[in-house]
Amino acid sequence: MIFGEIETGLVVRLNVADVEVSATWYESKLGMAPDHRFDAPHWRQFNLNGVVGAAVGLSQDQPVGNGGSVVTFVVSSIERARDELMKEGITVGPIENPGHGVQLALFQDLDGNNLALRQNPGSHPSPRQIGDIS
């Protein structure tokens, strides 16, 4: 089993036009913590505050474009998280209900990478339980 060798971790790579400008945006607008241990000329990595084993990497080595993918941040209060992003000057779409009690609000980074906020209903696992199928 290929994934049987994973040590518990996931890094999502997003392609950006200017790694320095994007790194500043992710830190100042989204409040992500830079992990300077991984700094390279065309790479910056950010930890998700309070989430162990998950990170977002910004890469300047590939063409910009999301290919339809969406990086989704599961939050406990979508209204509060949406309001905070909007206070930072980020355009966030309306809260949508795609089904099963899930709520989503879409936004983009400086390079057009699709990002989203997601709030699960009480019947779903909490954000801290995602990935825990034991």
N, C-alpha and C. Protein backbone atom coordinates (compact mmCIF):
# COMPACT_ATOMS: atom_id res chain seq x y z
N MET A 1 0.85 -1.18 0.00
CA MET A 1 0.00 0.00 0.00
C MET A 1 0.90 1.25 0.00
N ILE A 2 0.79 2.05 -1.01
CA ILE A 2 1.65 3.23 -1.17
C ILE A 2 1.52 4.17 0.02
N PHE A 3 0.32 4.51 0.41
CA PHE A 3 0.13 5.50 1.47
C PHE A 3 0.38 4.94 2.85
N GLY A 4 0.68 3.67 2.97
CA GLY A 4 1.03 3.09 4.26
C GLY A 4 2.35 3.62 4.79
N GLU A 5 3.13 4.26 3.93
CA GLU A 5 4.44 4.79 4.33
C GLU A 5 4.39 6.25 4.75
N ILE A 6 3.25 6.90 4.67
CA ILE A 6 3.14 8.31 5.06
C ILE A 6 3.28 8.42 6.57
N GLU A 7 4.07 9.38 7.02
CA GLU A 7 4.32 9.57 8.44
C GLU A 7 3.25 10.40 9.12
N THR A 8 2.21 10.78 8.48
CA THR A 8 1.16 11.68 8.96
C THR A 8 1.54 13.09 8.57
N GLY A 9 1.20 13.43 7.40
CA GLY A 9 1.46 14.77 6.93
C GLY A 9 0.98 14.98 5.52
N LEU A 10 0.65 16.22 5.22
CA LEU A 10 0.17 16.57 3.90
C LEU A 10 0.59 18.00 3.62
N VAL A 11 1.25 18.21 2.49
CA VAL A 11 1.61 19.55 2.04
C VAL A 11 0.93 19.76 0.70
N VAL A 12 0.12 20.80 0.61
CA VAL A 12 -0.55 21.17 -0.62
C VAL A 12 0.29 22.24 -1.30
N ARG A 13 0.65 22.02 -2.56
CA ARG A 13 1.44 23.00 -3.30
C ARG A 13 0.53 23.86 -4.16
N LEU A 14 0.76 25.17 -4.08
CA LEU A 14 0.05 26.11 -4.94
C LEU A 14 1.09 26.86 -5.76
N ASN A 15 0.86 26.95 -7.06
CA ASN A 15 1.78 27.68 -7.93
C ASN A 15 1.46 29.17 -7.89
N VAL A 16 2.50 29.98 -7.73
CA VAL A 16 2.33 31.43 -7.62
C VAL A 16 3.30 32.13 -8.56
N ALA A 17 2.97 33.37 -8.94
CA ALA A 17 3.82 34.13 -9.85
C ALA A 17 5.04 34.71 -9.14
N ASP A 18 4.85 35.16 -7.90
CA ASP A 18 5.94 35.78 -7.14
C ASP A 18 5.88 35.24 -5.72
N VAL A 19 6.82 34.38 -5.37
CA VAL A 19 6.76 33.70 -4.08
C VAL A 19 6.85 34.67 -2.91
N GLU A 20 7.60 35.74 -3.04
CA GLU A 20 7.72 36.71 -1.93
C GLU A 20 6.41 37.46 -1.71
N VAL A 21 5.81 37.95 -2.78
CA VAL A 21 4.54 38.68 -2.68
C VAL A 21 3.45 37.76 -2.13
N SER A 22 3.38 36.54 -2.64
CA SER A 22 2.36 35.59 -2.18
C SER A 22 2.59 35.18 -0.73
N ALA A 23 3.85 35.00 -0.35
CA ALA A 23 4.15 34.63 1.04
C ALA A 23 3.66 35.71 1.99
N THR A 24 3.88 36.96 1.63
CA THR A 24 3.40 38.07 2.46
C THR A 24 1.89 38.03 2.57
N TRP A 25 1.20 37.76 1.47
CA TRP A 25 -0.27 37.70 1.45
C TRP A 25 -0.78 36.58 2.35
N TYR A 26 -0.22 35.38 2.23
CA TYR A 26 -0.68 34.24 3.04
C TYR A 26 -0.44 34.49 4.53
N GLU A 27 0.65 35.16 4.85
CA GLU A 27 0.93 35.45 6.26
C GLU A 27 0.05 36.59 6.77
N SER A 28 -0.02 37.69 6.04
CA SER A 28 -0.75 38.86 6.55
C SER A 28 -2.26 38.75 6.41
N LYS A 29 -2.73 38.16 5.34
CA LYS A 29 -4.18 38.10 5.11
C LYS A 29 -4.82 36.86 5.71
N LEU A 30 -4.16 35.70 5.62
CA LEU A 30 -4.75 34.46 6.13
C LEU A 30 -4.22 34.08 7.51
N GLY A 31 -3.18 34.78 7.96
CA GLY A 31 -2.65 34.51 9.29
C GLY A 31 -1.90 33.20 9.41
N MET A 32 -1.42 32.67 8.29
CA MET A 32 -0.66 31.42 8.32
C MET A 32 0.75 31.68 8.83
N ALA A 33 1.32 30.67 9.48
CA ALA A 33 2.65 30.79 10.07
C ALA A 33 3.71 30.27 9.11
N PRO A 34 4.65 31.14 8.67
CA PRO A 34 5.71 30.66 7.78
C PRO A 34 6.63 29.69 8.52
N ASP A 35 7.03 28.64 7.82
CA ASP A 35 7.97 27.67 8.38
C ASP A 35 9.28 27.85 7.61
N HIS A 36 10.14 28.71 8.12
CA HIS A 36 11.35 29.10 7.42
C HIS A 36 12.36 27.97 7.25
N ARG A 37 12.14 26.85 7.92
CA ARG A 37 13.04 25.70 7.75
C ARG A 37 13.03 25.19 6.32
N PHE A 38 11.94 25.47 5.60
CA PHE A 38 11.79 24.96 4.24
C PHE A 38 12.03 26.03 3.17
N ASP A 39 12.41 27.24 3.56
CA ASP A 39 12.62 28.31 2.59
C ASP A 39 13.65 27.91 1.54
N ALA A 40 13.31 28.17 0.30
CA ALA A 40 14.21 27.96 -0.84
C ALA A 40 13.96 29.13 -1.79
N PRO A 41 14.82 29.33 -2.78
CA PRO A 41 14.65 30.49 -3.66
C PRO A 41 13.24 30.63 -4.27
N HIS A 42 12.61 29.52 -4.61
CA HIS A 42 11.28 29.59 -5.24
C HIS A 42 10.23 28.82 -4.45
N TRP A 43 10.41 28.69 -3.15
CA TRP A 43 9.48 27.90 -2.31
C TRP A 43 9.34 28.53 -0.93
N ARG A 44 8.11 28.64 -0.46
CA ARG A 44 7.83 29.02 0.92
C ARG A 44 6.76 28.06 1.43
N GLN A 45 6.87 27.70 2.69
CA GLN A 45 5.91 26.76 3.27
C GLN A 45 5.28 27.39 4.51
N PHE A 46 3.99 27.15 4.66
CA PHE A 46 3.23 27.73 5.77
C PHE A 46 2.49 26.64 6.52
N ASN A 47 2.57 26.73 7.85
CA ASN A 47 1.81 25.82 8.71
C ASN A 47 0.44 26.41 8.95
N LEU A 48 -0.52 25.52 9.11
CA LEU A 48 -1.87 25.93 9.46
C LEU A 48 -1.94 25.97 10.97
N ASN A 49 -2.16 27.13 11.52
CA ASN A 49 -2.17 27.30 12.96
C ASN A 49 -3.12 26.30 13.61
N GLY A 50 -2.59 25.52 14.54
CA GLY A 50 -3.40 24.56 15.28
C GLY A 50 -3.64 23.24 14.58
N VAL A 51 -3.09 23.07 13.37
CA VAL A 51 -3.30 21.83 12.62
C VAL A 51 -1.93 21.17 12.44
N VAL A 52 -1.71 20.08 13.12
CA VAL A 52 -0.44 19.38 13.04
C VAL A 52 -0.43 18.50 11.79
N GLY A 53 0.66 18.53 11.05
CA GLY A 53 0.84 17.64 9.92
C GLY A 53 0.25 18.13 8.62
N ALA A 54 -0.19 19.39 8.55
CA ALA A 54 -0.74 19.93 7.31
C ALA A 54 -0.08 21.27 7.03
N ALA A 55 0.28 21.49 5.77
CA ALA A 55 0.93 22.74 5.40
C ALA A 55 0.54 23.11 3.97
N VAL A 56 0.75 24.38 3.66
CA VAL A 56 0.55 24.90 2.31
C VAL A 56 1.91 25.37 1.82
N GLY A 57 2.31 24.89 0.65
CA GLY A 57 3.57 25.31 0.04
C GLY A 57 3.30 26.20 -1.16
N LEU A 58 4.06 27.27 -1.29
CA LEU A 58 3.94 28.17 -2.43
C LEU A 58 5.15 27.96 -3.32
N SER A 59 4.90 27.67 -4.60
CA SER A 59 5.98 27.36 -5.53
C SER A 59 5.96 28.34 -6.70
N GLN A 60 7.13 28.86 -7.03
CA GLN A 60 7.27 29.77 -8.16
C GLN A 60 7.89 29.05 -9.36
N ASP A 61 8.00 27.73 -9.29
CA ASP A 61 8.69 26.97 -10.34
C ASP A 61 7.79 26.50 -11.49
N GLN A 62 6.48 26.59 -11.34
CA GLN A 62 5.56 26.08 -12.35
C GLN A 62 4.61 27.19 -12.78
N PRO A 63 3.99 27.05 -13.94
CA PRO A 63 3.02 28.07 -14.39
C PRO A 63 1.86 28.19 -13.39
N VAL A 64 1.36 29.40 -13.26
CA VAL A 64 0.23 29.68 -12.37
C VAL A 64 -1.05 29.16 -13.00
N GLY A 65 -1.92 28.61 -12.21
CA GLY A 65 -3.22 28.11 -12.66
C GLY A 65 -3.66 26.99 -11.75
N ASN A 66 -4.93 26.94 -11.46
CA ASN A 66 -5.39 25.98 -10.46
C ASN A 66 -5.92 24.69 -11.05
N GLY A 67 -6.20 24.65 -12.31
CA GLY A 67 -6.70 23.41 -12.91
C GLY A 67 -8.01 22.94 -12.31
N GLY A 68 -8.72 23.82 -11.62
CA GLY A 68 -10.02 23.47 -11.05
C GLY A 68 -9.96 22.95 -9.63
N SER A 69 -8.77 22.81 -9.07
CA SER A 69 -8.67 22.32 -7.70
C SER A 69 -9.05 23.43 -6.72
N VAL A 70 -9.45 23.03 -5.52
CA VAL A 70 -9.81 23.97 -4.47
C VAL A 70 -9.17 23.50 -3.16
N VAL A 71 -8.39 24.36 -2.53
CA VAL A 71 -7.86 24.07 -1.20
C VAL A 71 -8.89 24.57 -0.21
N THR A 72 -9.41 23.66 0.61
CA THR A 72 -10.50 23.99 1.51
C THR A 72 -10.03 23.96 2.96
N PHE A 73 -10.34 25.02 3.68
CA PHE A 73 -10.00 25.14 5.10
C PHE A 73 -11.28 24.90 5.90
N VAL A 74 -11.29 23.84 6.69
CA VAL A 74 -12.46 23.51 7.51
C VAL A 74 -12.40 24.36 8.77
N VAL A 75 -13.47 25.09 9.02
CA VAL A 75 -13.53 26.01 10.16
C VAL A 75 -14.74 25.69 11.03
N SER A 76 -14.71 26.16 12.26
CA SER A 76 -15.83 25.90 13.16
C SER A 76 -16.96 26.91 12.96
N SER A 77 -16.64 28.10 12.47
CA SER A 77 -17.67 29.12 12.20
C SER A 77 -17.36 29.78 10.86
N ILE A 78 -18.11 29.41 9.84
CA ILE A 78 -17.86 29.95 8.51
C ILE A 78 -18.19 31.45 8.45
N GLU A 79 -19.21 31.86 9.20
CA GLU A 79 -19.55 33.29 9.20
C GLU A 79 -18.42 34.12 9.77
N ARG A 80 -17.84 33.70 10.89
CA ARG A 80 -16.76 34.44 11.52
C ARG A 80 -15.51 34.45 10.61
N ALA A 81 -15.16 33.28 10.05
CA ALA A 81 -13.99 33.19 9.19
C ALA A 81 -14.18 34.04 7.94
N ARG A 82 -15.37 34.03 7.36
CA ARG A 82 -15.66 34.83 6.17
C ARG A 82 -15.55 36.31 6.49
N ASP A 83 -16.10 36.72 7.62
CA ASP A 83 -16.02 38.12 8.03
C ASP A 83 -14.57 38.56 8.21
N GLU A 84 -13.74 37.70 8.81
CA GLU A 84 -12.33 38.04 9.03
C GLU A 84 -11.59 38.22 7.70
N LEU A 85 -11.85 37.34 6.74
CA LEU A 85 -11.21 37.47 5.42
C LEU A 85 -11.65 38.77 4.75
N MET A 86 -12.93 39.07 4.84
CA MET A 86 -13.44 40.29 4.20
C MET A 86 -12.85 41.53 4.87
N LYS A 87 -12.61 41.49 6.18
CA LYS A 87 -11.96 42.61 6.87
C LYS A 87 -10.54 42.81 6.36
N GLU A 88 -9.92 41.74 5.85
CA GLU A 88 -8.57 41.81 5.28
C GLU A 88 -8.59 42.26 3.82
N GLY A 89 -9.78 42.58 3.31
CA GLY A 89 -9.90 43.05 1.94
C GLY A 89 -10.01 41.95 0.90
N ILE A 90 -10.26 40.74 1.35
CA ILE A 90 -10.38 39.59 0.44
C ILE A 90 -11.83 39.45 0.01
N THR A 91 -12.05 39.34 -1.28
CA THR A 91 -13.40 39.12 -1.79
C THR A 91 -13.77 37.66 -1.57
N VAL A 92 -14.84 37.43 -0.83
CA VAL A 92 -15.30 36.08 -0.52
C VAL A 92 -16.73 35.95 -1.03
N GLY A 93 -16.99 34.86 -1.74
CA GLY A 93 -18.33 34.62 -2.26
C GLY A 93 -19.31 34.37 -1.13
N PRO A 94 -20.59 34.30 -1.49
CA PRO A 94 -21.61 34.03 -0.48
C PRO A 94 -21.47 32.62 0.09
N ILE A 95 -22.02 32.43 1.26
CA ILE A 95 -22.03 31.09 1.86
C ILE A 95 -23.03 30.24 1.10
N GLU A 96 -22.55 29.12 0.59
CA GLU A 96 -23.39 28.21 -0.21
C GLU A 96 -23.63 26.93 0.57
N ASN A 97 -24.70 26.25 0.24
CA ASN A 97 -25.07 24.98 0.87
C ASN A 97 -25.13 23.90 -0.21
N PRO A 98 -24.00 23.21 -0.47
CA PRO A 98 -23.99 22.21 -1.54
C PRO A 98 -24.71 20.91 -1.19
N GLY A 99 -25.10 20.74 0.05
CA GLY A 99 -25.83 19.53 0.45
C GLY A 99 -25.26 18.92 1.71
N HIS A 100 -26.02 18.05 2.32
CA HIS A 100 -25.63 17.32 3.52
C HIS A 100 -25.27 18.24 4.68
N GLY A 101 -25.79 19.48 4.69
CA GLY A 101 -25.53 20.40 5.78
C GLY A 101 -24.19 21.10 5.72
N VAL A 102 -23.40 20.83 4.69
CA VAL A 102 -22.09 21.47 4.52
C VAL A 102 -22.31 22.89 4.02
N GLN A 103 -21.49 23.83 4.51
CA GLN A 103 -21.51 25.20 4.03
C GLN A 103 -20.14 25.53 3.46
N LEU A 104 -20.12 26.23 2.33
CA LEU A 104 -18.88 26.62 1.66
C LEU A 104 -18.91 28.10 1.30
N ALA A 105 -17.75 28.73 1.33
CA ALA A 105 -17.57 30.09 0.84
C ALA A 105 -16.25 30.12 0.09
N LEU A 106 -16.29 30.50 -1.18
CA LEU A 106 -15.11 30.45 -2.05
C LEU A 106 -14.42 31.80 -2.14
N PHE A 107 -13.08 31.76 -2.28
CA PHE A 107 -12.29 32.96 -2.51
C PHE A 107 -11.03 32.54 -3.26
N GLN A 108 -10.21 33.50 -3.65
CA GLN A 108 -8.98 33.21 -4.39
C GLN A 108 -7.81 33.97 -3.79
N ASP A 109 -6.61 33.42 -4.04
CA ASP A 109 -5.40 34.14 -3.64
C ASP A 109 -5.01 35.10 -4.76
N LEU A 110 -3.87 35.72 -4.64
CA LEU A 110 -3.41 36.72 -5.62
C LEU A 110 -3.22 36.16 -7.02
N ASP A 111 -2.95 34.85 -7.12
CA ASP A 111 -2.68 34.23 -8.41
C ASP A 111 -3.87 33.46 -8.97
N GLY A 112 -5.04 33.62 -8.35
CA GLY A 112 -6.24 32.96 -8.84
C GLY A 112 -6.39 31.52 -8.38
N ASN A 113 -5.57 31.07 -7.43
CA ASN A 113 -5.75 29.73 -6.87
C ASN A 113 -7.05 29.72 -6.07
N ASN A 114 -7.86 28.71 -6.30
CA ASN A 114 -9.14 28.62 -5.62
C ASN A 114 -8.96 28.13 -4.19
N LEU A 115 -9.52 28.88 -3.26
CA LEU A 115 -9.50 28.53 -1.85
C LEU A 115 -10.94 28.57 -1.35
N ALA A 116 -11.22 27.87 -0.26
CA ALA A 116 -12.58 27.87 0.27
C ALA A 116 -12.57 27.69 1.78
N LEU A 117 -13.61 28.22 2.38
CA LEU A 117 -13.92 27.93 3.78
C LEU A 117 -15.01 26.87 3.77
N ARG A 118 -14.96 25.98 4.72
CA ARG A 118 -15.97 24.92 4.82
C ARG A 118 -16.35 24.74 6.28
N GLN A 119 -17.64 24.69 6.53
CA GLN A 119 -18.13 24.35 7.86
C GLN A 119 -18.99 23.11 7.72
N ASN A 120 -18.64 22.10 8.49
CA ASN A 120 -19.42 20.85 8.49
C ASN A 120 -20.55 20.95 9.50
N PRO A 121 -21.64 20.22 9.25
CA PRO A 121 -22.72 20.20 10.24
C PRO A 121 -22.29 19.39 11.46
N GLY A 122 -23.02 19.51 12.53
CA GLY A 122 -22.70 18.79 13.76
C GLY A 122 -22.63 17.29 13.60
N SER A 123 -23.31 16.76 12.59
CA SER A 123 -23.31 15.31 12.37
C SER A 123 -22.03 14.81 11.70
N HIS A 124 -21.21 15.72 11.17
CA HIS A 124 -19.95 15.36 10.53
C HIS A 124 -18.82 15.41 11.55
N PRO A 125 -17.68 14.80 11.24
CA PRO A 125 -16.53 14.90 12.14
C PRO A 125 -16.11 16.36 12.33
N SER A 126 -15.59 16.68 13.49
CA SER A 126 -15.07 18.02 13.73
C SER A 126 -13.82 18.22 12.89
N PRO A 127 -13.39 19.47 12.69
CA PRO A 127 -12.16 19.69 11.92
C PRO A 127 -10.97 18.90 12.45
N ARG A 128 -10.89 18.71 13.74
CA ARG A 128 -9.76 17.97 14.35
C ARG A 128 -9.85 16.47 14.08
N GLN A 129 -11.02 15.98 13.66
CA GLN A 129 -11.19 14.55 13.43
C GLN A 129 -11.07 14.15 11.96
N ILE A 130 -10.92 15.12 11.07
CA ILE A 130 -10.82 14.78 9.66
C ILE A 130 -9.59 13.91 9.45
N GLY A 131 -9.75 12.85 8.74
CA GLY A 131 -8.66 11.92 8.49
C GLY A 131 -8.55 10.82 9.52
N ASP A 132 -9.23 10.98 10.66
CA ASP A 132 -9.19 9.97 11.73
C ASP A 132 -10.36 9.02 11.52
N ILE A 133 -10.10 7.87 10.93
CA ILE A 133 -11.18 6.92 10.66
C ILE A 133 -11.11 5.72 11.59
N SER A 134 -10.38 5.87 12.69
CA SER A 134 -10.25 4.76 13.63
C SER A 134 -11.51 4.55 14.44
